């Protein structure tokens, strides 16, 4: 983006120099170069906007995946929360979020300036191109912020008040996520690997490398969701009095598969689009490589999950395979531009086992996440961040960052990049835990987080949204005996009382 801001001045200087060589030929050549530059700029803008639209289309995938993963009595509620994530997030990102992420008047910790796009237009020379670049960047980055909020919504599904969704979504997209993206993706961020400022130092001499957001997007959304689900406690009837898990299957495998394919398609904007340019040969190669590594990692994770879960549960499970596929995508997102195809397959294979292991651990801890969002995006996202420190090639880092003085441990024998990745993952998790943990804690203290037991048992569609989403019930109601209800009350801090078990 910094290079685009000076296009007008640079082309003017080229034109002047060429005119000195020849009054006629120099002018024609300069005009030709200007035309090429304008065409290149237009191609890059089109590429970024199309990528932004693909990333935004992932909201459809999130909505379908969420709807299929919850019980029929809560489908309208979870669909509406997905709409809210995008809509409320757009307003908060417009007012303050983009300024905190990319404002040019900030410091290494947080950006500042350009609130509500106040500085997007100017009368300065070359300002039109700069403003256009900021508009397209805003669109792309808002789509990313909305994706982070969408991840969080899955963790707290089927038991959360609508007010809580409005508050957390605005806070996450307006402040928590933008600060993290400033650290890693802004030229002035303290974690960045970008080399646009010659006086800028880098963490361990390299900075944190997260090409498309395994840490910045997936870990932020997942850790936020973890604290929401942890503070709320599990859904009623999820665990019996002995702590054993009870099945609460989503009501539609069809919607789960549809949502998964929509997310898969959108990931081709999420990962390749993060290059932000495509008009030159190197950028085009990076974009193509991202598409290939993304595909291979997701495919490897899906196939691994298919056979691993067959060995564990003795049947083929479509929901598990879909989540495994998405786990592979979340893991490769950080390093899709920097790893070889074989490394992408390895990362996908390990992502599948990471998800399986995380699910087993969370079950033992009686942690309830209807979409496995924390395990999938948090566990696999962390894996992806760390494996950049092992498998990133120096040549590919040179292509993206313009310097090849660092690389993964496997290729260089140096642990600098791995150390930077570990520090980055820790501070991202800590920052998100501090802010979003406090947010959900306050919502809980003011009774704005969890719905009543009666509403939860009857279903949010009936009690909060005017009626069922379906004409006929397609599932048996959850049977909660009095002993289980007492345990649930004690766990989530709700005073005793009577509730009709529907």
Foldseek 3Di string as FASTA:
>chain_A
DVVQLCPQVVLVVQLVVLCVVDVPPSNVVSVVVVVVVVVQLVQLLVLLQVLLVLLLLLLVLLLLQLQQLAAQLANVVLNVLSVLLLPLLLVLCLQALVQQQAAPPDAQQTGHDCGNPPPLADPDPSSVSSSSVVVSVSSNVSSLLSLLLSLLSQQQPLWWFPVLSSVVSSCSSNPLLSRLNNQDPYPRHAQHQACPDVPDAHQLRGGFFFQQPLQSRLQLSLLLNQLLQQLQAAFQQQAFPVLAGDDRGGQDLPSSVVSLVSNLSSLLSRALVSLSGCSDPLNVVLSVQLNLLLVLLLVLQLVLQQVVVCVVVVDGDSLLSSLSSLLSNSLCRRPSSFADSVVSSVLSNVSNVQLVVVVVVCSVVNGGRSNSSNSRSVRSSLNNSLCQQAGGALVSCCSRRVGRPDGHCPPPVDNSNNVSSVVSNVVSSVSSCVVSSVSSVVCVVVVNTTDDSQCSQSGCCVVPPPDGPDPDRDDDGNDHDPSSVVVSCVSNVNDDDDYDRD
